[in-house]
Amino acid sequence: MQLFLLYTLRAQNFTTREHCFLTDFVFNPAAAGTEEGMVAVLSAKKNWTGLKGSPGTNMFSLHLKASDLGISKPRQYISKDFSKTGIGLGLYNDMNGPLVTTAIQLAYARHVRLNNKLFLSFGLSAKLTQYMLDESVLKATDPDDNDLTFQKQSTILPNFNSGLYLRHKSYHIGLSVTNLFNLTNNNNINFYKEELMRTWYLSGAYLFKLPASNGLEPKLLVRYYNKQIWVDVLVRYYFQKHFWVGLGYATTGFYSFYAALKFGKFDYGYTFEYSPSPIYKTTHGNHMLFISYNLPGL
């Protein structure tokens, strides 16, 4: 059951590592509406390619200023009509063999202007996560395993995320916590016994403007879960407004490569992720395709 718990953790935290670096909103609701215009990201990821029945994850996130609803022109970053409210929507679907996880997240953020270049945001999001496990397709090595029922199981669990977000046009710093409450269910779902998925996130990024309209943006993501700390680092380089590339490293032993072409306000990108761990030696790594609108940092 360890494989299921691994992907349950990822689903409960409503994110994948790669999607985190495309928008902070998926793990910090305070990021909602902190960009100049609407930000939307759609991604499809396939893990352990080359293995039959390997896991896959689809995600969609969207956030904007509430005052931008119904208008097409983005507001300036901090102006006389500075928007004080941000809203967002997130959708998540993860398929890991017999385990299917689906989630929806709604977020609200309140922005407080500190000066003409800086504001602080407070955010809260509510989410519902549905888990469906079809144990009838499992082949148990121990038929007497008490954690297996060999039946279809399903449950829906509610939870909340909250966060703070300090935003400047050139940088941002965020602190958030996901899954504020302990997971509980009334259906006696065996694979969620005594599971606490609360995770803390610390994030930050700074955009260095370079000559010829180029840019360099290092990004940092620190996660704290179950008395353990994971650190992810990504460095992106923007070639004017035509395309960008990025290299990432995670202390869990993952290496990643990002690349995206920009057409108007849309970015069409690809991400490759690999780890030297034994299981990846028999696969072709993890692959993700994404489309983003008004990507942060550009």
C-alpha atoms as a PDB file:
ATOM      1  CA  MET A   1       0.000   0.000   0.000  1.00  0.00           C
ATOM      2  CA  GLN A   2       3.015   2.340   0.145  1.00  0.00           C
ATOM      3  CA  LEU A   3       2.651   3.257  -3.532  1.00  0.00           C
ATOM      4  CA  PHE A   4      -0.923   4.404  -2.947  1.00  0.00           C
ATOM      5  CA  LEU A   5       0.057   6.488   0.059  1.00  0.00           C
ATOM      6  CA  LEU A   6       2.768   8.225  -1.969  1.00  0.00           C
ATOM      7  CA  TYR A   7       0.298   9.386  -4.579  1.00  0.00           C
ATOM      8  CA  THR A   8      -2.341  10.126  -1.950  1.00  0.00           C
ATOM      9  CA  LEU A   9       0.083  12.622  -0.436  1.00  0.00           C
ATOM     10  CA  ARG A  10       0.579  14.300  -3.785  1.00  0.00           C
ATOM     11  CA  ALA A  11      -3.164  14.477  -4.422  1.00  0.00           C
ATOM     12  CA  GLN A  12      -3.982  15.793  -0.967  1.00  0.00           C
ATOM     13  CA  ASN A  13      -1.545  18.624  -1.518  1.00  0.00           C
ATOM     14  CA  PHE A  14      -3.228  19.382  -4.837  1.00  0.00           C
ATOM     15  CA  THR A  15      -0.080  19.842  -6.847  1.00  0.00           C
ATOM     16  CA  THR A  16       2.809  18.369  -8.743  1.00  0.00           C
ATOM     17  CA  ARG A  17       6.347  19.698  -8.472  1.00  0.00           C
ATOM     18  CA  GLU A  18       6.319  20.966 -12.060  1.00  0.00           C
ATOM     19  CA  HIS A  19       2.958  22.724 -11.793  1.00  0.00           C
ATOM     20  CA  CYS A  20       4.219  24.480  -8.637  1.00  0.00           C
ATOM     21  CA  PHE A  21       6.836  26.288 -10.676  1.00  0.00           C
ATOM     22  CA  LEU A  22       4.259  27.491 -13.191  1.00  0.00           C
ATOM     23  CA  THR A  23       1.974  29.097 -10.605  1.00  0.00           C
ATOM     24  CA  ASP A  24       2.144  29.435  -6.822  1.00  0.00           C
ATOM     25  CA  PHE A  25      -1.638  29.475  -6.622  1.00  0.00           C
ATOM     26  CA  VAL A  26      -1.982  25.675  -6.461  1.00  0.00           C
ATOM     27  CA  PHE A  27      -0.397  25.554  -2.990  1.00  0.00           C
ATOM     28  CA  ASN A  28      -0.907  29.138  -1.782  1.00  0.00           C
ATOM     29  CA  PRO A  29      -4.415  30.655  -2.111  1.00  0.00           C
ATOM     30  CA  ALA A  30      -3.018  34.077  -1.201  1.00  0.00           C
ATOM     31  CA  ALA A  31      -1.426  34.187  -4.678  1.00  0.00           C
ATOM     32  CA  ALA A  32      -4.878  34.529  -6.268  1.00  0.00           C
ATOM     33  CA  GLY A  33      -5.135  37.775  -8.220  1.00  0.00           C
ATOM     34  CA  THR A  34      -1.557  38.904  -7.558  1.00  0.00           C
ATOM     35  CA  GLU A  35      -0.568  39.141 -11.239  1.00  0.00           C
ATOM     36  CA  GLU A  36      -1.326  41.940 -13.702  1.00  0.00           C
ATOM     37  CA  GLY A  37      -4.004  39.890 -15.419  1.00  0.00           C
ATOM     38  CA  MET A  38      -5.645  36.499 -15.378  1.00  0.00           C
ATOM     39  CA  VAL A  39      -3.319  33.506 -15.001  1.00  0.00           C
ATOM     40  CA  ALA A  40      -4.461  30.106 -16.275  1.00  0.00           C
ATOM     41  CA  VAL A  41      -2.363  26.931 -16.500  1.00  0.00           C
ATOM     42  CA  LEU A  42      -3.371  23.561 -17.942  1.00  0.00           C
ATOM     43  CA  SER A  43      -0.953  20.647 -17.588  1.00  0.00           C
ATOM     44  CA  ALA A  44      -0.908  16.915 -18.341  1.00  0.00           C
ATOM     45  CA  LYS A  45       1.820  14.789 -16.781  1.00  0.00           C
ATOM     46  CA  LYS A  46       2.783  11.143 -17.305  1.00  0.00           C
ATOM     47  CA  ASN A  47       5.037   9.469 -14.728  1.00  0.00           C
ATOM     48  CA  TRP A  48       7.308   6.507 -15.297  1.00  0.00           C
ATOM     49  CA  THR A  49       6.720   6.414 -19.046  1.00  0.00           C
ATOM     50  CA  GLY A  50       7.493   3.059 -20.569  1.00  0.00           C
ATOM     51  CA  LEU A  51       5.834   1.137 -17.736  1.00  0.00           C
ATOM     52  CA  LYS A  52       2.405  -0.346 -18.390  1.00  0.00           C
ATOM     53  CA  GLY A  53      -0.292   1.425 -16.370  1.00  0.00           C
ATOM     54  CA  SER A  54       2.073   4.166 -15.157  1.00  0.00           C
ATOM     55  CA  PRO A  55       0.492   7.079 -13.199  1.00  0.00           C
ATOM     56  CA  GLY A  56      -0.736  10.255 -14.852  1.00  0.00           C
ATOM     57  CA  THR A  57      -1.892  13.638 -13.558  1.00  0.00           C
ATOM     58  CA  ASN A  58      -3.978  16.402 -15.152  1.00  0.00           C
ATOM     59  CA  MET A  59      -4.285  19.831 -13.559  1.00  0.00           C
ATOM     60  CA  PHE A  60      -5.986  23.136 -14.322  1.00  0.00           C
ATOM     61  CA  SER A  61      -5.671  26.344 -12.313  1.00  0.00           C
ATOM     62  CA  LEU A  62      -7.015  29.840 -12.885  1.00  0.00           C
ATOM     63  CA  HIS A  63      -6.834  32.985 -10.786  1.00  0.00           C
ATOM     64  CA  LEU A  64      -7.401  36.708 -11.309  1.00  0.00           C
ATOM     65  CA  LYS A  65      -8.437  39.939  -9.628  1.00  0.00           C
ATOM     66  CA  ALA A  66     -12.149  39.996  -8.881  1.00  0.00           C
ATOM     67  CA  SER A  67     -12.349  43.493 -10.414  1.00  0.00           C
ATOM     68  CA  ASP A  68     -11.030  42.114 -13.721  1.00  0.00           C
ATOM     69  CA  LEU A  69     -14.138  40.014 -14.317  1.00  0.00           C
ATOM     70  CA  GLY A  70     -15.802  41.228 -17.466  1.00  0.00           C
ATOM     71  CA  ILE A  71     -12.941  43.394 -18.716  1.00  0.00           C
ATOM     72  CA  SER A  72     -10.239  42.424 -21.189  1.00  0.00           C
ATOM     73  CA  LYS A  73      -7.475  44.908 -20.363  1.00  0.00           C
ATOM     74  CA  PRO A  74      -5.279  43.871 -17.401  1.00  0.00           C
ATOM     75  CA  ARG A  75      -4.940  46.410 -14.628  1.00  0.00           C
ATOM     76  CA  GLN A  76      -1.578  47.891 -13.804  1.00  0.00           C
ATOM     77  CA  TYR A  77       0.273  46.262 -10.971  1.00  0.00           C
ATOM     78  CA  ILE A  78      -0.447  48.820  -8.245  1.00  0.00           C
ATOM     79  CA  SER A  79      -2.445  51.795  -9.412  1.00  0.00           C
ATOM     80  CA  LYS A  80      -5.264  54.085  -8.316  1.00  0.00           C
ATOM     81  CA  ASP A  81      -7.749  51.308  -9.015  1.00  0.00           C
ATOM     82  CA  PHE A  82      -5.656  48.707  -7.161  1.00  0.00           C
ATOM     83  CA  SER A  83      -7.769  45.569  -6.837  1.00  0.00           C
ATOM     84  CA  LYS A  84      -8.131  44.356  -3.249  1.00  0.00           C
ATOM     85  CA  THR A  85      -9.660  40.946  -3.979  1.00  0.00           C
ATOM     86  CA  GLY A  86      -8.398  37.859  -5.801  1.00  0.00           C
ATOM     87  CA  ILE A  87     -10.296  34.683  -6.662  1.00  0.00           C
ATOM     88  CA  GLY A  88      -9.210  31.337  -8.092  1.00  0.00           C
ATOM     89  CA  LEU A  89     -10.249  27.874  -9.205  1.00  0.00           C
ATOM     90  CA  GLY A  90      -8.235  24.665  -9.289  1.00  0.00           C
ATOM     91  CA  LEU A  91      -9.058  21.221 -10.722  1.00  0.00           C
ATOM     92  CA  TYR A  92      -7.013  18.062 -10.215  1.00  0.00           C
ATOM     93  CA  ASN A  93      -7.220  14.499 -11.530  1.00  0.00           C
ATOM     94  CA  ASP A  94      -4.677  11.792 -10.745  1.00  0.00           C
ATOM     95  CA  MET A  95      -4.798   8.224 -12.100  1.00  0.00           C
ATOM     96  CA  ASN A  96      -2.541   5.705 -10.397  1.00  0.00           C
ATOM     97  CA  GLY A  97      -3.662   2.224 -11.429  1.00  0.00           C
ATOM     98  CA  PRO A  98      -6.716   1.294  -9.337  1.00  0.00           C
ATOM     99  CA  LEU A  99      -6.582   4.603  -7.418  1.00  0.00           C
ATOM    100  CA  VAL A 100      -8.246   7.666  -8.992  1.00  0.00           C
ATOM    101  CA  THR A 101      -8.157  11.009  -7.203  1.00  0.00           C
ATOM    102  CA  THR A 102     -10.234  14.018  -8.266  1.00  0.00           C
ATOM    103  CA  ALA A 103     -10.276  17.397  -6.519  1.00  0.00           C
ATOM    104  CA  ILE A 104     -11.669  20.903  -6.841  1.00  0.00           C
ATOM    105  CA  GLN A 105     -10.398  23.999  -5.061  1.00  0.00           C
ATOM    106  CA  LEU A 106     -11.960  27.476  -4.696  1.00  0.00           C
ATOM    107  CA  ALA A 107      -9.841  30.317  -3.343  1.00  0.00           C
ATOM    108  CA  TYR A 108     -10.316  33.844  -2.042  1.00  0.00           C
ATOM    109  CA  ALA A 109      -7.548  36.372  -1.351  1.00  0.00           C
ATOM    110  CA  ARG A 110      -7.514  39.860   0.146  1.00  0.00           C
ATOM    111  CA  HIS A 111      -4.778  42.290  -0.903  1.00  0.00           C
ATOM    112  CA  VAL A 112      -3.432  45.102   1.279  1.00  0.00           C
ATOM    113  CA  ARG A 113      -1.241  47.766  -0.321  1.00  0.00           C
ATOM    114  CA  LEU A 114       1.903  48.510   1.701  1.00  0.00           C
ATOM    115  CA  ASN A 115       3.345  51.151  -0.629  1.00  0.00           C
ATOM    116  CA  ASN A 116       3.353  52.054  -4.329  1.00  0.00           C
ATOM    117  CA  LYS A 117       5.375  48.960  -5.259  1.00  0.00           C
ATOM    118  CA  LEU A 118       4.472  46.334  -2.684  1.00  0.00           C
ATOM    119  CA  PHE A 119       1.377  44.617  -1.314  1.00  0.00           C
ATOM    120  CA  LEU A 120       0.569  41.787   1.070  1.00  0.00           C
ATOM    121  CA  SER A 121      -2.103  39.193   0.364  1.00  0.00           C
ATOM    122  CA  PHE A 122      -4.050  36.923   2.735  1.00  0.00           C
ATOM    123  CA  GLY A 123      -5.742  33.847   1.233  1.00  0.00           C
ATOM    124  CA  LEU A 124      -8.008  30.935   2.088  1.00  0.00           C
ATOM    125  CA  SER A 125      -9.199  28.094  -0.118  1.00  0.00           C
ATOM    126  CA  ALA A 126     -11.717  25.297   0.353  1.00  0.00           C
ATOM    127  CA  LYS A 127     -11.372  22.006  -1.483  1.00  0.00           C
ATOM    128  CA  LEU A 128     -13.124  18.700  -1.919  1.00  0.00           C
ATOM    129  CA  THR A 129     -11.175  15.564  -2.818  1.00  0.00           C
ATOM    130  CA  GLN A 130     -12.722  12.321  -3.998  1.00  0.00           C
ATOM    131  CA  TYR A 131     -10.811   9.051  -3.805  1.00  0.00           C
ATOM    132  CA  MET A 132     -11.858   5.901  -5.636  1.00  0.00           C
ATOM    133  CA  LEU A 133      -9.916   2.675  -5.169  1.00  0.00           C
ATOM    134  CA  ASP A 134     -10.825  -0.475  -7.064  1.00  0.00           C
ATOM    135  CA  GLU A 135      -9.165  -3.248  -5.050  1.00  0.00           C
ATOM    136  CA  SER A 136     -10.814  -5.923  -7.174  1.00  0.00           C
ATOM    137  CA  VAL A 137      -8.032  -5.548  -9.762  1.00  0.00           C
ATOM    138  CA  LEU A 138      -5.213  -5.936  -7.244  1.00  0.00           C
ATOM    139  CA  LYS A 139      -3.100  -9.062  -7.001  1.00  0.00           C
ATOM    140  CA  ALA A 140      -2.048  -9.329  -3.366  1.00  0.00           C
ATOM    141  CA  THR A 141       1.200 -11.020  -2.379  1.00  0.00           C
ATOM    142  CA  ASP A 142      -0.443 -11.672   0.999  1.00  0.00           C
ATOM    143  CA  PRO A 143      -4.101 -12.764   0.623  1.00  0.00           C
ATOM    144  CA  ASP A 144      -4.547 -12.356   4.388  1.00  0.00           C
ATOM    145  CA  ASP A 145      -3.624  -8.643   4.337  1.00  0.00           C
ATOM    146  CA  ASN A 146      -6.213  -6.967   6.578  1.00  0.00           C
ATOM    147  CA  ASP A 147      -5.839  -3.670   4.711  1.00  0.00           C
ATOM    148  CA  LEU A 148      -7.277  -5.171   1.507  1.00  0.00           C
ATOM    149  CA  THR A 149     -10.997  -5.697   0.901  1.00  0.00           C
ATOM    150  CA  PHE A 150     -10.807  -6.529  -2.856  1.00  0.00           C
ATOM    151  CA  GLN A 151     -13.826  -4.270  -3.351  1.00  0.00           C
ATOM    152  CA  LYS A 152     -14.404  -0.803  -4.796  1.00  0.00           C
ATOM    153  CA  GLN A 153     -14.027   1.936  -2.194  1.00  0.00           C
ATOM    154  CA  SER A 154     -14.807   5.637  -2.460  1.00  0.00           C
ATOM    155  CA  THR A 155     -14.809   8.637  -0.152  1.00  0.00           C
ATOM    156  CA  ILE A 156     -14.930  12.447  -0.348  1.00  0.00           C
ATOM    157  CA  LEU A 157     -12.870  14.512   2.078  1.00  0.00           C
ATOM    158  CA  PRO A 158     -13.101  18.315   2.606  1.00  0.00           C
ATOM    159  CA  ASN A 159     -10.213  20.493   3.713  1.00  0.00           C
ATOM    160  CA  PHE A 160      -8.817  24.033   3.663  1.00  0.00           C
ATOM    161  CA  ASN A 161      -5.568  25.779   2.704  1.00  0.00           C
ATOM    162  CA  SER A 162      -4.385  29.218   3.830  1.00  0.00           C
ATOM    163  CA  GLY A 163      -1.453  31.475   3.093  1.00  0.00           C
ATOM    164  CA  LEU A 164       0.337  34.827   3.020  1.00  0.00           C
ATOM    165  CA  TYR A 165       1.911  36.358  -0.089  1.00  0.00           C
ATOM    166  CA  LEU A 166       4.200  39.394  -0.299  1.00  0.00           C
ATOM    167  CA  ARG A 167       4.225  40.674  -3.885  1.00  0.00           C
ATOM    168  CA  HIS A 168       6.404  43.126  -5.778  1.00  0.00           C
ATOM    169  CA  LYS A 169       6.554  43.352  -9.551  1.00  0.00           C
ATOM    170  CA  SER A 170      10.089  41.913  -9.466  1.00  0.00           C
ATOM    171  CA  TYR A 171       9.795  39.374  -6.643  1.00  0.00           C
ATOM    172  CA  HIS A 172       7.456  37.502  -4.346  1.00  0.00           C
ATOM    173  CA  ILE A 173       7.648  35.581  -1.069  1.00  0.00           C
ATOM    174  CA  GLY A 174       4.938  33.212   0.098  1.00  0.00           C
ATOM    175  CA  LEU A 175       4.127  31.130   3.177  1.00  0.00           C
ATOM    176  CA  SER A 176       1.232  28.688   3.190  1.00  0.00           C
ATOM    177  CA  VAL A 177      -0.170  25.583   4.824  1.00  0.00           C
ATOM    178  CA  THR A 178      -2.316  22.959   3.110  1.00  0.00           C
ATOM    179  CA  ASN A 179      -4.830  20.614   4.742  1.00  0.00           C
ATOM    180  CA  LEU A 180      -5.492  22.559   7.921  1.00  0.00           C
ATOM    181  CA  PHE A 181      -7.576  19.765   9.422  1.00  0.00           C
ATOM    182  CA  ASN A 182      -6.950  16.081  10.023  1.00  0.00           C
ATOM    183  CA  LEU A 183      -8.341  13.746   7.396  1.00  0.00           C
ATOM    184  CA  THR A 184     -11.452  11.959   8.601  1.00  0.00           C
ATOM    185  CA  ASN A 185     -14.091   9.842   6.908  1.00  0.00           C
ATOM    186  CA  ASN A 186     -17.089   7.813   7.953  1.00  0.00           C
ATOM    187  CA  ASN A 187     -16.657   5.048   5.388  1.00  0.00           C
ATOM    188  CA  ASN A 188     -13.847   3.118   7.074  1.00  0.00           C
ATOM    189  CA  ILE A 189     -11.585   3.534   4.064  1.00  0.00           C
ATOM    190  CA  ASN A 190      -8.641   1.318   4.901  1.00  0.00           C
ATOM    191  CA  PHE A 191      -5.929   3.174   3.026  1.00  0.00           C
ATOM    192  CA  TYR A 192      -6.501   6.443   4.945  1.00  0.00           C
ATOM    193  CA  LYS A 193      -6.052   5.230   8.485  1.00  0.00           C
ATOM    194  CA  GLU A 194      -4.353   7.844  10.672  1.00  0.00           C
ATOM    195  CA  GLU A 195      -3.189   9.942   7.735  1.00  0.00           C
ATOM    196  CA  LEU A 196      -2.332  13.586   8.415  1.00  0.00           C
ATOM    197  CA  MET A 197      -1.383  15.399   5.217  1.00  0.00           C
ATOM    198  CA  ARG A 198      -0.719  18.919   6.521  1.00  0.00           C
ATOM    199  CA  THR A 199       2.170  20.477   4.593  1.00  0.00           C
ATOM    200  CA  TRP A 200       3.893  23.843   4.963  1.00  0.00           C
ATOM    201  CA  TYR A 201       5.243  25.710   1.924  1.00  0.00           C
ATOM    202  CA  LEU A 202       7.768  28.527   1.715  1.00  0.00           C
ATOM    203  CA  SER A 203       8.277  29.957  -1.765  1.00  0.00           C
ATOM    204  CA  GLY A 204      10.151  32.814  -3.342  1.00  0.00           C
ATOM    205  CA  ALA A 205      11.342  34.156  -6.687  1.00  0.00           C
ATOM    206  CA  TYR A 206      13.176  37.172  -8.064  1.00  0.00           C
ATOM    207  CA  LEU A 207      13.213  38.363 -11.673  1.00  0.00           C
ATOM    208  CA  PHE A 208      16.510  39.932 -12.762  1.00  0.00           C
ATOM    209  CA  LYS A 209      16.053  42.105 -15.840  1.00  0.00           C
ATOM    210  CA  LEU A 210      18.927  41.708 -18.288  1.00  0.00           C
ATOM    211  CA  PRO A 211      19.939  43.639 -21.429  1.00  0.00           C
ATOM    212  CA  ALA A 212      17.990  43.124 -24.673  1.00  0.00           C
ATOM    213  CA  SER A 213      14.769  42.441 -22.739  1.00  0.00           C
ATOM    214  CA  ASN A 214      16.063  39.126 -21.419  1.00  0.00           C
ATOM    215  CA  GLY A 215      15.496  37.938 -17.865  1.00  0.00           C
ATOM    216  CA  LEU A 216      16.790  35.495 -15.273  1.00  0.00           C
ATOM    217  CA  GLU A 217      14.467  34.177 -12.568  1.00  0.00           C
ATOM    218  CA  PRO A 218      15.566  31.832  -9.757  1.00  0.00           C
ATOM    219  CA  LYS A 219      12.685  30.227  -7.845  1.00  0.00           C
ATOM    220  CA  LEU A 220      12.749  28.387  -4.524  1.00  0.00           C
ATOM    221  CA  LEU A 221      10.180  26.054  -2.990  1.00  0.00           C
ATOM    222  CA  VAL A 222      10.601  24.550   0.482  1.00  0.00           C
ATOM    223  CA  ARG A 223       8.104  21.962   1.748  1.00  0.00           C
ATOM    224  CA  TYR A 224       7.796  20.681   5.309  1.00  0.00           C
ATOM    225  CA  TYR A 225       5.798  17.506   5.879  1.00  0.00           C
ATOM    226  CA  ASN A 226       5.876  14.862   8.609  1.00  0.00           C
ATOM    227  CA  LYS A 227       9.014  16.397  10.208  1.00  0.00           C
ATOM    228  CA  GLN A 228      10.866  16.257   6.887  1.00  0.00           C
ATOM    229  CA  ILE A 229      12.021  19.084   4.617  1.00  0.00           C
ATOM    230  CA  TRP A 230      12.176  19.017   0.815  1.00  0.00           C
ATOM    231  CA  VAL A 231      13.809  21.795  -1.203  1.00  0.00           C
ATOM    232  CA  ASP A 232      13.200  22.456  -4.915  1.00  0.00           C
ATOM    233  CA  VAL A 233      15.136  25.014  -6.958  1.00  0.00           C
ATOM    234  CA  LEU A 234      14.425  26.199 -10.496  1.00  0.00           C
ATOM    235  CA  VAL A 235      16.247  28.769 -12.620  1.00  0.00           C
ATOM    236  CA  ARG A 236      14.462  30.138 -15.688  1.00  0.00           C
ATOM    237  CA  TYR A 237      15.969  32.243 -18.453  1.00  0.00           C
ATOM    238  CA  TYR A 238      13.699  34.399 -20.626  1.00  0.00           C
ATOM    239  CA  PHE A 239      14.801  35.098 -24.192  1.00  0.00           C
ATOM    240  CA  GLN A 240      12.963  38.391 -24.648  1.00  0.00           C
ATOM    241  CA  LYS A 241       9.280  37.547 -25.081  1.00  0.00           C
ATOM    242  CA  HIS A 242       9.735  34.659 -27.473  1.00  0.00           C
ATOM    243  CA  PHE A 243      10.561  31.655 -25.283  1.00  0.00           C
ATOM    244  CA  TRP A 244      12.105  30.561 -21.993  1.00  0.00           C
ATOM    245  CA  VAL A 245      13.978  27.561 -20.618  1.00  0.00           C
ATOM    246  CA  GLY A 246      14.536  26.333 -17.080  1.00  0.00           C
ATOM    247  CA  LEU A 247      16.562  23.821 -15.076  1.00  0.00           C
ATOM    248  CA  GLY A 248      15.405  22.424 -11.747  1.00  0.00           C
ATOM    249  CA  TYR A 249      16.729  20.259  -8.935  1.00  0.00           C
ATOM    250  CA  ALA A 250      14.998  18.722  -5.929  1.00  0.00           C
ATOM    251  CA  THR A 251      16.726  17.391  -2.828  1.00  0.00           C
ATOM    252  CA  THR A 252      14.651  14.237  -3.249  1.00  0.00           C
ATOM    253  CA  GLY A 253      16.959  13.486  -6.181  1.00  0.00           C
ATOM    254  CA  PHE A 254      14.907  14.772  -9.126  1.00  0.00           C
ATOM    255  CA  TYR A 255      16.269  16.771 -12.051  1.00  0.00           C
ATOM    256  CA  SER A 256      13.970  18.670 -14.380  1.00  0.00           C
ATOM    257  CA  PHE A 257      14.123  20.602 -17.652  1.00  0.00           C
ATOM    258  CA  TYR A 258      11.535  23.164 -18.787  1.00  0.00           C
ATOM    259  CA  ALA A 259      11.054  24.823 -22.161  1.00  0.00           C
ATOM    260  CA  ALA A 260       8.233  26.991 -23.509  1.00  0.00           C
ATOM    261  CA  LEU A 261       7.473  28.962 -26.657  1.00  0.00           C
ATOM    262  CA  LYS A 262       5.422  32.130 -26.355  1.00  0.00           C
ATOM    263  CA  PHE A 263       2.702  33.045 -28.855  1.00  0.00           C
ATOM    264  CA  GLY A 264       0.922  36.219 -27.808  1.00  0.00           C
ATOM    265  CA  LYS A 265      -0.245  35.733 -24.223  1.00  0.00           C
ATOM    266  CA  PHE A 266      -0.011  31.937 -24.422  1.00  0.00           C
ATOM    267  CA  ASP A 267       2.939  29.729 -23.550  1.00  0.00           C
ATOM    268  CA  TYR A 268       3.176  26.186 -24.923  1.00  0.00           C
ATOM    269  CA  GLY A 269       5.661  24.164 -22.937  1.00  0.00           C
ATOM    270  CA  TYR A 270       7.216  20.824 -22.103  1.00  0.00           C
ATOM    271  CA  THR A 271       8.869  19.487 -18.949  1.00  0.00           C
ATOM    272  CA  PHE A 272      11.077  16.443 -18.494  1.00  0.00           C
ATOM    273  CA  GLU A 273      11.837  15.056 -15.052  1.00  0.00           C
ATOM    274  CA  TYR A 274      14.236  12.287 -14.131  1.00  0.00           C
ATOM    275  CA  SER A 275      15.705  10.674 -11.030  1.00  0.00           C
ATOM    276  CA  PRO A 276      18.688   8.298 -10.697  1.00  0.00           C
ATOM    277  CA  SER A 277      16.640   6.117  -8.326  1.00  0.00           C
ATOM    278  CA  PRO A 278      16.336   2.423  -9.314  1.00  0.00           C
ATOM    279  CA  ILE A 279      12.746   2.600 -10.603  1.00  0.00           C
ATOM    280  CA  TYR A 280      13.629   5.285 -13.170  1.00  0.00           C
ATOM    281  CA  LYS A 281      16.329   3.095 -14.683  1.00  0.00           C
ATOM    282  CA  THR A 282      13.545   0.974 -16.177  1.00  0.00           C
ATOM    283  CA  THR A 283      11.464   3.922 -17.407  1.00  0.00           C
ATOM    284  CA  HIS A 284      11.795   6.909 -19.743  1.00  0.00           C
ATOM    285  CA  GLY A 285      11.284   9.461 -16.952  1.00  0.00           C
ATOM    286  CA  ASN A 286       8.358  11.798 -16.326  1.00  0.00           C
ATOM    287  CA  HIS A 287       6.960  14.041 -19.057  1.00  0.00           C
ATOM    288  CA  MET A 288       4.557  16.977 -18.826  1.00  0.00           C
ATOM    289  CA  LEU A 289       2.931  19.202 -21.437  1.00  0.00           C
ATOM    290  CA  PHE A 290       1.424  22.531 -20.406  1.00  0.00           C
ATOM    291  CA  ILE A 291      -0.346  25.574 -21.786  1.00  0.00           C
ATOM    292  CA  SER A 292      -0.358  28.792 -19.796  1.00  0.00           C
ATOM    293  CA  TYR A 293      -1.965  32.188 -20.268  1.00  0.00           C
ATOM    294  CA  ASN A 294      -0.171  35.303 -18.951  1.00  0.00           C
ATOM    295  CA  LEU A 295       2.472  33.234 -17.161  1.00  0.00           C
ATOM    296  CA  PRO A 296       3.817  34.945 -13.991  1.00  0.00           C
ATOM    297  CA  GLY A 297       7.268  36.449 -14.304  1.00  0.00           C
ATOM    298  CA  LEU A 298       7.041  37.465 -17.953  1.00  0.00           C
END
